[in-house]
Amino acid sequence: MQRTPVTSSVIKSAGYDPRTRVLEIELHNASVYRYYDLDSEAYQQFLDAPSKGTHLNQMIKPNYIYNEVTSDIEDEENHSLM
C-alpha cells in the first residue's frame, strides 16, 4: 500500500485503501500497523486531526481491529528486489 508522509511526532506516514477499507500506519520507529474496516470518513477524520497520534490512540485503536505487519512488509520489499 502506498503511504504518504504526515506531520506527527509519532506517525511517519499513512495510507488508506477504500476498496479493502484498510488504514496502514508507519511509525517513526519503522513499525507498520494495519487497521481494518475503516470507512473513508474515519480516514478523513484522521487526516484532519490536529494531532494524528492522539487521534490514532483515542479514536482508531480502541474501535478497530489491527495488527502489526512490519515483518510482512519487509518480506514483500525484499522479494520485490530479487
PDB file of N, CA and C in Angstrom:
ATOM      1  N   MET A   1       0.849  -1.174   0.000  1.00  0.00           N
ATOM      2  CA  MET A   1       0.000   0.000   0.000  1.00  0.00           C
ATOM      3  C   MET A   1       0.894   1.235   0.000  1.00  0.00           C
ATOM      4  N   GLN A   2       0.556   2.176  -0.802  1.00  0.00           N
ATOM      5  CA  GLN A   2       1.312   3.423  -0.839  1.00  0.00           C
ATOM      6  C   GLN A   2       0.876   4.318   0.310  1.00  0.00           C
ATOM      7  N   ARG A   3       1.873   4.818   1.043  1.00  0.00           N
ATOM      8  CA  ARG A   3       1.610   5.728   2.152  1.00  0.00           C
ATOM      9  C   ARG A   3       2.183   7.097   1.825  1.00  0.00           C
ATOM     10  N   THR A   4       1.592   8.122   2.419  1.00  0.00           N
ATOM     11  CA  THR A   4       2.098   9.483   2.250  1.00  0.00           C
ATOM     12  C   THR A   4       2.544  10.011   3.609  1.00  0.00           C
ATOM     13  N   PRO A   5       3.582  10.833   3.628  1.00  0.00           N
ATOM     14  CA  PRO A   5       4.061  11.390   4.896  1.00  0.00           C
ATOM     15  C   PRO A   5       2.987  12.241   5.569  1.00  0.00           C
ATOM     16  N   VAL A   6       2.965  12.184   6.896  1.00  0.00           N
ATOM     17  CA  VAL A   6       2.063  13.029   7.680  1.00  0.00           C
ATOM     18  C   VAL A   6       2.890  13.786   8.713  1.00  0.00           C
ATOM     19  N   THR A   7       2.353  14.894   9.172  1.00  0.00           N
ATOM     20  CA  THR A   7       3.021  15.688  10.199  1.00  0.00           C
ATOM     21  C   THR A   7       2.614  15.153  11.563  1.00  0.00           C
ATOM     22  N   SER A   8       3.566  14.498  12.221  1.00  0.00           N
ATOM     23  CA  SER A   8       3.295  13.895  13.523  1.00  0.00           C
ATOM     24  C   SER A   8       4.625  13.550  14.183  1.00  0.00           C
ATOM     25  N   SER A   9       4.665  13.646  15.490  1.00  0.00           N
ATOM     26  CA  SER A   9       5.879  13.253  16.206  1.00  0.00           C
ATOM     27  C   SER A   9       5.981  11.738  16.353  1.00  0.00           C
ATOM     28  N   VAL A  10       4.892  11.025  16.118  1.00  0.00           N
ATOM     29  CA  VAL A  10       4.858   9.575  16.287  1.00  0.00           C
ATOM     30  C   VAL A  10       4.693   8.848  14.951  1.00  0.00           C
ATOM     31  N   ILE A  11       3.845   9.373  14.090  1.00  0.00           N
ATOM     32  CA  ILE A  11       3.482   8.703  12.844  1.00  0.00           C
ATOM     33  C   ILE A  11       4.278   9.295  11.687  1.00  0.00           C
ATOM     34  N   LYS A  12       4.936   8.420  10.936  1.00  0.00           N
ATOM     35  CA  LYS A  12       5.740   8.858   9.788  1.00  0.00           C
ATOM     36  C   LYS A  12       4.891   9.001   8.533  1.00  0.00           C
ATOM     37  N   SER A  13       4.032   8.001   8.274  1.00  0.00           N
ATOM     38  CA  SER A  13       3.226   8.029   7.055  1.00  0.00           C
ATOM     39  C   SER A  13       1.949   7.225   7.254  1.00  0.00           C
ATOM     40  N   ALA A  14       0.987   7.473   6.362  1.00  0.00           N
ATOM     41  CA  ALA A  14      -0.296   6.774   6.429  1.00  0.00           C
ATOM     42  C   ALA A  14      -0.810   6.545   5.018  1.00  0.00           C
ATOM     43  N   GLY A  15      -1.502   5.437   4.843  1.00  0.00           N
ATOM     44  CA  GLY A  15      -2.145   5.137   3.573  1.00  0.00           C
ATOM     45  C   GLY A  15      -3.485   4.486   3.828  1.00  0.00           C
ATOM     46  N   TYR A  16      -4.375   4.616   2.874  1.00  0.00           N
ATOM     47  CA  TYR A  16      -5.720   4.058   3.027  1.00  0.00           C
ATOM     48  C   TYR A  16      -6.166   3.459   1.703  1.00  0.00           C
ATOM     49  N   ASP A  17      -6.729   2.270   1.766  1.00  0.00           N
ATOM     50  CA  ASP A  17      -7.286   1.611   0.589  1.00  0.00           C
ATOM     51  C   ASP A  17      -8.802   1.549   0.762  1.00  0.00           C
ATOM     52  N   PRO A  18      -9.546   2.375   0.026  1.00  0.00           N
ATOM     53  CA  PRO A  18     -11.006   2.389   0.197  1.00  0.00           C
ATOM     54  C   PRO A  18     -11.671   1.092  -0.256  1.00  0.00           C
ATOM     55  N   ARG A  19     -11.030   0.369  -1.149  1.00  0.00           N
ATOM     56  CA  ARG A  19     -11.604  -0.893  -1.624  1.00  0.00           C
ATOM     57  C   ARG A  19     -11.620  -1.940  -0.507  1.00  0.00           C
ATOM     58  N   THR A  20     -10.503  -2.043   0.221  1.00  0.00           N
ATOM     59  CA  THR A  20     -10.412  -3.028   1.303  1.00  0.00           C
ATOM     60  C   THR A  20     -10.718  -2.436   2.676  1.00  0.00           C
ATOM     61  N   ARG A  21     -10.839  -1.084   2.734  1.00  0.00           N
ATOM     62  CA  ARG A  21     -11.120  -0.364   3.975  1.00  0.00           C
ATOM     63  C   ARG A  21     -10.028  -0.576   5.021  1.00  0.00           C
ATOM     64  N   VAL A  22      -8.779  -0.572   4.548  1.00  0.00           N
ATOM     65  CA  VAL A  22      -7.625  -0.777   5.424  1.00  0.00           C
ATOM     66  C   VAL A  22      -6.814   0.513   5.514  1.00  0.00           C
ATOM     67  N   LEU A  23      -6.492   0.886   6.749  1.00  0.00           N
ATOM     68  CA  LEU A  23      -5.603   2.005   7.033  1.00  0.00           C
ATOM     69  C   LEU A  23      -4.252   1.428   7.423  1.00  0.00           C
ATOM     70  N   GLU A  24      -3.198   1.904   6.790  1.00  0.00           N
ATOM     71  CA  GLU A  24      -1.850   1.451   7.122  1.00  0.00           C
ATOM     72  C   GLU A  24      -1.072   2.630   7.688  1.00  0.00           C
ATOM     73  N   ILE A  25      -0.474   2.425   8.850  1.00  0.00           N
ATOM     74  CA  ILE A  25       0.256   3.466   9.569  1.00  0.00           C
ATOM     75  C   ILE A  25       1.696   3.013   9.765  1.00  0.00           C
ATOM     76  N   GLU A  26       2.637   3.862   9.372  1.00  0.00           N
ATOM     77  CA  GLU A  26       4.049   3.622   9.652  1.00  0.00           C
ATOM     78  C   GLU A  26       4.487   4.610  10.729  1.00  0.00           C
ATOM     79  N   LEU A  27       5.066   4.078  11.792  1.00  0.00           N
ATOM     80  CA  LEU A  27       5.561   4.920  12.872  1.00  0.00           C
ATOM     81  C   LEU A  27       7.006   5.329  12.592  1.00  0.00           C
ATOM     82  N   HIS A  28       7.468   6.343  13.286  1.00  0.00           N
ATOM     83  CA  HIS A  28       8.851   6.789  13.104  1.00  0.00           C
ATOM     84  C   HIS A  28       9.855   5.714  13.520  1.00  0.00           C
ATOM     85  N   ASN A  29       9.454   4.760  14.354  1.00  0.00           N
ATOM     86  CA  ASN A  29      10.357   3.678  14.751  1.00  0.00           C
ATOM     87  C   ASN A  29      10.372   2.539  13.731  1.00  0.00           C
ATOM     88  N   ALA A  30       9.731   2.740  12.578  1.00  0.00           N
ATOM     89  CA  ALA A  30       9.689   1.804  11.441  1.00  0.00           C
ATOM     90  C   ALA A  30       8.656   0.689  11.603  1.00  0.00           C
ATOM     91  N   SER A  31       7.919   0.650  12.693  1.00  0.00           N
ATOM     92  CA  SER A  31       6.832  -0.320  12.826  1.00  0.00           C
ATOM     93  C   SER A  31       5.685   0.083  11.902  1.00  0.00           C
ATOM     94  N   VAL A  32       5.018  -0.932  11.345  1.00  0.00           N
ATOM     95  CA  VAL A  32       3.881  -0.686  10.460  1.00  0.00           C
ATOM     96  C   VAL A  32       2.687  -1.471  10.986  1.00  0.00           C
ATOM     97  N   TYR A  33       1.541  -0.792  11.057  1.00  0.00           N
ATOM     98  CA  TYR A  33       0.304  -1.400  11.541  1.00  0.00           C
ATOM     99  C   TYR A  33      -0.789  -1.227  10.508  1.00  0.00           C
ATOM    100  N   ARG A  34      -1.676  -2.212  10.449  1.00  0.00           N
ATOM    101  CA  ARG A  34      -2.869  -2.116   9.604  1.00  0.00           C
ATOM    102  C   ARG A  34      -4.105  -2.160  10.491  1.00  0.00           C
ATOM    103  N   TYR A  35      -5.022  -1.244  10.200  1.00  0.00           N
ATOM    104  CA  TYR A  35      -6.296  -1.123  10.908  1.00  0.00           C
ATOM    105  C   TYR A  35      -7.389  -1.465   9.910  1.00  0.00           C
ATOM    106  N   TYR A  36      -8.300  -2.347  10.310  1.00  0.00           N
ATOM    107  CA  TYR A  36      -9.251  -2.944   9.375  1.00  0.00           C
ATOM    108  C   TYR A  36     -10.666  -2.395   9.531  1.00  0.00           C
ATOM    109  N   ASP A  37     -11.350  -2.348   8.403  1.00  0.00           N
ATOM    110  CA  ASP A  37     -12.766  -1.987   8.305  1.00  0.00           C
ATOM    111  C   ASP A  37     -13.049  -0.525   8.658  1.00  0.00           C
ATOM    112  N   LEU A  38     -12.132   0.371   8.286  1.00  0.00           N
ATOM    113  CA  LEU A  38     -12.364   1.813   8.442  1.00  0.00           C
ATOM    114  C   LEU A  38     -13.071   2.333   7.204  1.00  0.00           C
ATOM    115  N   ASP A  39     -14.082   3.153   7.403  1.00  0.00           N
ATOM    116  CA  ASP A  39     -14.690   3.793   6.239  1.00  0.00           C
ATOM    117  C   ASP A  39     -13.884   5.038   5.883  1.00  0.00           C
ATOM    118  N   SER A  40     -14.153   5.588   4.724  1.00  0.00           N
ATOM    119  CA  SER A  40     -13.378   6.737   4.248  1.00  0.00           C
ATOM    120  C   SER A  40     -13.559   7.957   5.148  1.00  0.00           C
ATOM    121  N   GLU A  41     -14.700   8.071   5.800  1.00  0.00           N
ATOM    122  CA  GLU A  41     -14.929   9.190   6.723  1.00  0.00           C
ATOM    123  C   GLU A  41     -13.980   9.110   7.924  1.00  0.00           C
ATOM    124  N   ALA A  42     -13.787   7.908   8.453  1.00  0.00           N
ATOM    125  CA  ALA A  42     -12.865   7.733   9.583  1.00  0.00           C
ATOM    126  C   ALA A  42     -11.438   8.083   9.162  1.00  0.00           C
ATOM    127  N   TYR A  43     -11.071   7.725   7.938  1.00  0.00           N
ATOM    128  CA  TYR A  43      -9.739   8.080   7.438  1.00  0.00           C
ATOM    129  C   TYR A  43      -9.606   9.593   7.293  1.00  0.00           C
ATOM    130  N   GLN A  44     -10.619  10.240   6.771  1.00  0.00           N
ATOM    131  CA  GLN A  44     -10.568  11.693   6.606  1.00  0.00           C
ATOM    132  C   GLN A  44     -10.483  12.394   7.958  1.00  0.00           C
ATOM    133  N   GLN A  45     -11.197  11.880   8.946  1.00  0.00           N
ATOM    134  CA  GLN A  45     -11.117  12.457  10.292  1.00  0.00           C
ATOM    135  C   GLN A  45      -9.699  12.332  10.846  1.00  0.00           C
ATOM    136  N   PHE A  46      -9.063  11.198  10.575  1.00  0.00           N
ATOM    137  CA  PHE A  46      -7.668  11.018  10.985  1.00  0.00           C
ATOM    138  C   PHE A  46      -6.780  12.060  10.309  1.00  0.00           C
ATOM    139  N   LEU A  47      -6.937  12.229   8.998  1.00  0.00           N
ATOM    140  CA  LEU A  47      -6.116  13.199   8.269  1.00  0.00           C
ATOM    141  C   LEU A  47      -6.342  14.625   8.760  1.00  0.00           C
ATOM    142  N   ASP A  48      -7.565  14.948   9.140  1.00  0.00           N
ATOM    143  CA  ASP A  48      -7.920  16.300   9.580  1.00  0.00           C
ATOM    144  C   ASP A  48      -7.570  16.578  11.043  1.00  0.00           C
ATOM    145  N   ALA A  49      -7.242  15.542  11.790  1.00  0.00           N
ATOM    146  CA  ALA A  49      -6.986  15.708  13.227  1.00  0.00           C
ATOM    147  C   ALA A  49      -5.753  16.577  13.466  1.00  0.00           C
ATOM    148  N   PRO A  50      -5.836  17.508  14.419  1.00  0.00           N
ATOM    149  CA  PRO A  50      -4.675  18.345  14.721  1.00  0.00           C
ATOM    150  C   PRO A  50      -3.500  17.534  15.273  1.00  0.00           C
ATOM    151  N   SER A  51      -3.801  16.443  15.991  1.00  0.00           N
ATOM    152  CA  SER A  51      -2.770  15.529  16.479  1.00  0.00           C
ATOM    153  C   SER A  51      -3.113  14.129  15.990  1.00  0.00           C
ATOM    154  N   LYS A  52      -2.381  13.671  14.999  1.00  0.00           N
ATOM    155  CA  LYS A  52      -2.677  12.362  14.422  1.00  0.00           C
ATOM    156  C   LYS A  52      -2.399  11.228  15.407  1.00  0.00           C
ATOM    157  N   GLY A  53      -1.344  11.362  16.212  1.00  0.00           N
ATOM    158  CA  GLY A  53      -1.039  10.335  17.204  1.00  0.00           C
ATOM    159  C   GLY A  53      -2.131  10.212  18.252  1.00  0.00           C
ATOM    160  N   THR A  54      -2.616  11.339  18.742  1.00  0.00           N
ATOM    161  CA  THR A  54      -3.709  11.325  19.718  1.00  0.00           C
ATOM    162  C   THR A  54      -4.970  10.744  19.098  1.00  0.00           C
ATOM    163  N   HIS A  55      -5.270  11.135  17.878  1.00  0.00           N
ATOM    164  CA  HIS A  55      -6.463  10.618  17.203  1.00  0.00           C
ATOM    165  C   HIS A  55      -6.351   9.104  17.019  1.00  0.00           C
ATOM    166  N   LEU A  56      -5.189   8.642  16.602  1.00  0.00           N
ATOM    167  CA  LEU A  56      -4.975   7.205  16.433  1.00  0.00           C
ATOM    168  C   LEU A  56      -5.214   6.474  17.749  1.00  0.00           C
ATOM    169  N   ASN A  57      -4.634   6.980  18.831  1.00  0.00           N
ATOM    170  CA  ASN A  57      -4.745   6.305  20.132  1.00  0.00           C
ATOM    171  C   ASN A  57      -6.130   6.383  20.750  1.00  0.00           C
ATOM    172  N   GLN A  58      -6.856   7.467  20.504  1.00  0.00           N
ATOM    173  CA  GLN A  58      -8.159   7.643  21.153  1.00  0.00           C
ATOM    174  C   GLN A  58      -9.343   7.208  20.297  1.00  0.00           C
ATOM    175  N   MET A  59      -9.236   7.332  18.988  1.00  0.00           N
ATOM    176  CA  MET A  59     -10.395   7.087  18.127  1.00  0.00           C
ATOM    177  C   MET A  59     -10.274   5.836  17.255  1.00  0.00           C
ATOM    178  N   ILE A  60      -9.061   5.451  16.900  1.00  0.00           N
ATOM    179  CA  ILE A  60      -8.907   4.326  15.973  1.00  0.00           C
ATOM    180  C   ILE A  60      -8.526   3.047  16.709  1.00  0.00           C
ATOM    181  N   LYS A  61      -7.460   3.078  17.490  1.00  0.00           N
ATOM    182  CA  LYS A  61      -7.016   1.859  18.186  1.00  0.00           C
ATOM    183  C   LYS A  61      -8.114   1.188  19.005  1.00  0.00           C
ATOM    184  N   PRO A  62      -8.900   1.941  19.801  1.00  0.00           N
ATOM    185  CA  PRO A  62      -9.908   1.270  20.623  1.00  0.00           C
ATOM    186  C   PRO A  62     -11.110   0.742  19.833  1.00  0.00           C
ATOM    187  N   ASN A  63     -11.274   1.183  18.603  1.00  0.00           N
ATOM    188  CA  ASN A  63     -12.504   0.875  17.872  1.00  0.00           C
ATOM    189  C   ASN A  63     -12.334  -0.016  16.648  1.00  0.00           C
ATOM    190  N   TYR A  64     -11.097  -0.328  16.289  1.00  0.00           N
ATOM    191  CA  TYR A  64     -10.866  -1.121  15.080  1.00  0.00           C
ATOM    192  C   TYR A  64      -9.863  -2.226  15.369  1.00  0.00           C
ATOM    193  N   ILE A  65     -10.053  -3.338  14.694  1.00  0.00           N
ATOM    194  CA  ILE A  65      -9.100  -4.441  14.780  1.00  0.00           C
ATOM    195  C   ILE A  65      -7.841  -4.025  14.035  1.00  0.00           C
ATOM    196  N   TYR A  66      -6.690  -4.346  14.620  1.00  0.00           N
ATOM    197  CA  TYR A  66      -5.431  -4.005  13.961  1.00  0.00           C
ATOM    198  C   TYR A  66      -4.373  -5.046  14.283  1.00  0.00           C
ATOM    199  N   ASN A  67      -3.328  -5.056  13.485  1.00  0.00           N
ATOM    200  CA  ASN A  67      -2.181  -5.892  13.770  1.00  0.00           C
ATOM    201  C   ASN A  67      -0.928  -5.265  13.182  1.00  0.00           C
ATOM    202  N   GLU A  68       0.204  -5.667  13.745  1.00  0.00           N
ATOM    203  CA  GLU A  68       1.484  -5.187  13.232  1.00  0.00           C
ATOM    204  C   GLU A  68       1.865  -6.026  12.022  1.00  0.00           C
ATOM    205  N   VAL A  69       2.290  -5.366  10.966  1.00  0.00           N
ATOM    206  CA  VAL A  69       2.642  -6.061   9.725  1.00  0.00           C
ATOM    207  C   VAL A  69       4.057  -5.714   9.282  1.00  0.00           C
ATOM    208  N   THR A  70       4.863  -5.201  10.182  1.00  0.00           N
ATOM    209  CA  THR A  70       6.210  -4.749   9.833  1.00  0.00           C
ATOM    210  C   THR A  70       6.992  -5.834   9.119  1.00  0.00           C
ATOM    211  N   SER A  71       7.045  -7.030   9.673  1.00  0.00           N
ATOM    212  CA  SER A  71       7.848  -8.094   9.063  1.00  0.00           C
ATOM    213  C   SER A  71       7.266  -8.535   7.726  1.00  0.00           C
ATOM    214  N   ASP A  72       5.942  -8.526   7.585  1.00  0.00           N
ATOM    215  CA  ASP A  72       5.318  -8.883   6.308  1.00  0.00           C
ATOM    216  C   ASP A  72       5.728  -7.905   5.215  1.00  0.00           C
ATOM    217  N   ILE A  73       5.766  -6.636   5.536  1.00  0.00           N
ATOM    218  CA  ILE A  73       6.118  -5.614   4.552  1.00  0.00           C
ATOM    219  C   ILE A  73       7.589  -5.711   4.196  1.00  0.00           C
ATOM    220  N   GLU A  74       8.440  -5.974   5.181  1.00  0.00           N
ATOM    221  CA  GLU A  74       9.863  -6.144   4.896  1.00  0.00           C
ATOM    222  C   GLU A  74      10.067  -7.327   3.964  1.00  0.00           C
ATOM    223  N   ASP A  75       9.337  -8.428   4.177  1.00  0.00           N
ATOM    224  CA  ASP A  75       9.435  -9.593   3.299  1.00  0.00           C
ATOM    225  C   ASP A  75       9.000  -9.246   1.882  1.00  0.00           C
ATOM    226  N   GLU A  76       7.895  -8.499   1.737  1.00  0.00           N
ATOM    227  CA  GLU A  76       7.415  -8.095   0.413  1.00  0.00           C
ATOM    228  C   GLU A  76       8.454  -7.239  -0.301  1.00  0.00           C
ATOM    229  N   GLU A  77       9.064  -6.304   0.421  1.00  0.00           N
ATOM    230  CA  GLU A  77      10.064  -5.425  -0.183  1.00  0.00           C
ATOM    231  C   GLU A  77      11.298  -6.211  -0.587  1.00  0.00           C
ATOM    232  N   ASN A  78      11.726  -7.157   0.233  1.00  0.00           N
ATOM    233  CA  ASN A  78      12.898  -7.969  -0.100  1.00  0.00           C
ATOM    234  C   ASN A  78      12.642  -8.837  -1.320  1.00  0.00           C
ATOM    235  N   HIS A  79      11.444  -9.396  -1.446  1.00  0.00           N
ATOM    236  CA  HIS A  79      11.122 -10.230  -2.601  1.00  0.00           C
ATOM    237  C   HIS A  79      11.055  -9.408  -3.881  1.00  0.00           C
ATOM    238  N   SER A  80      10.594  -8.181  -3.782  1.00  0.00           N
ATOM    239  CA  SER A  80      10.483  -7.354  -4.985  1.00  0.00           C
ATOM    240  C   SER A  80      11.853  -6.915  -5.484  1.00  0.00           C
ATOM    241  N   LEU A  81      12.870  -6.966  -4.627  1.00  0.00           N
ATOM    242  CA  LEU A  81      14.221  -6.598  -5.038  1.00  0.00           C
ATOM    243  C   LEU A  81      14.928  -7.732  -5.756  1.00  0.00           C
ATOM    244  N   MET A  82      14.412  -8.941  -5.647  1.00  0.00           N
ATOM    245  CA  MET A  82      15.064 -10.108  -6.265  1.00  0.00           C
ATOM    246  C   MET A  82      14.768 -10.187  -7.734  1.00  0.00           C
TER     247      MET A  82
END
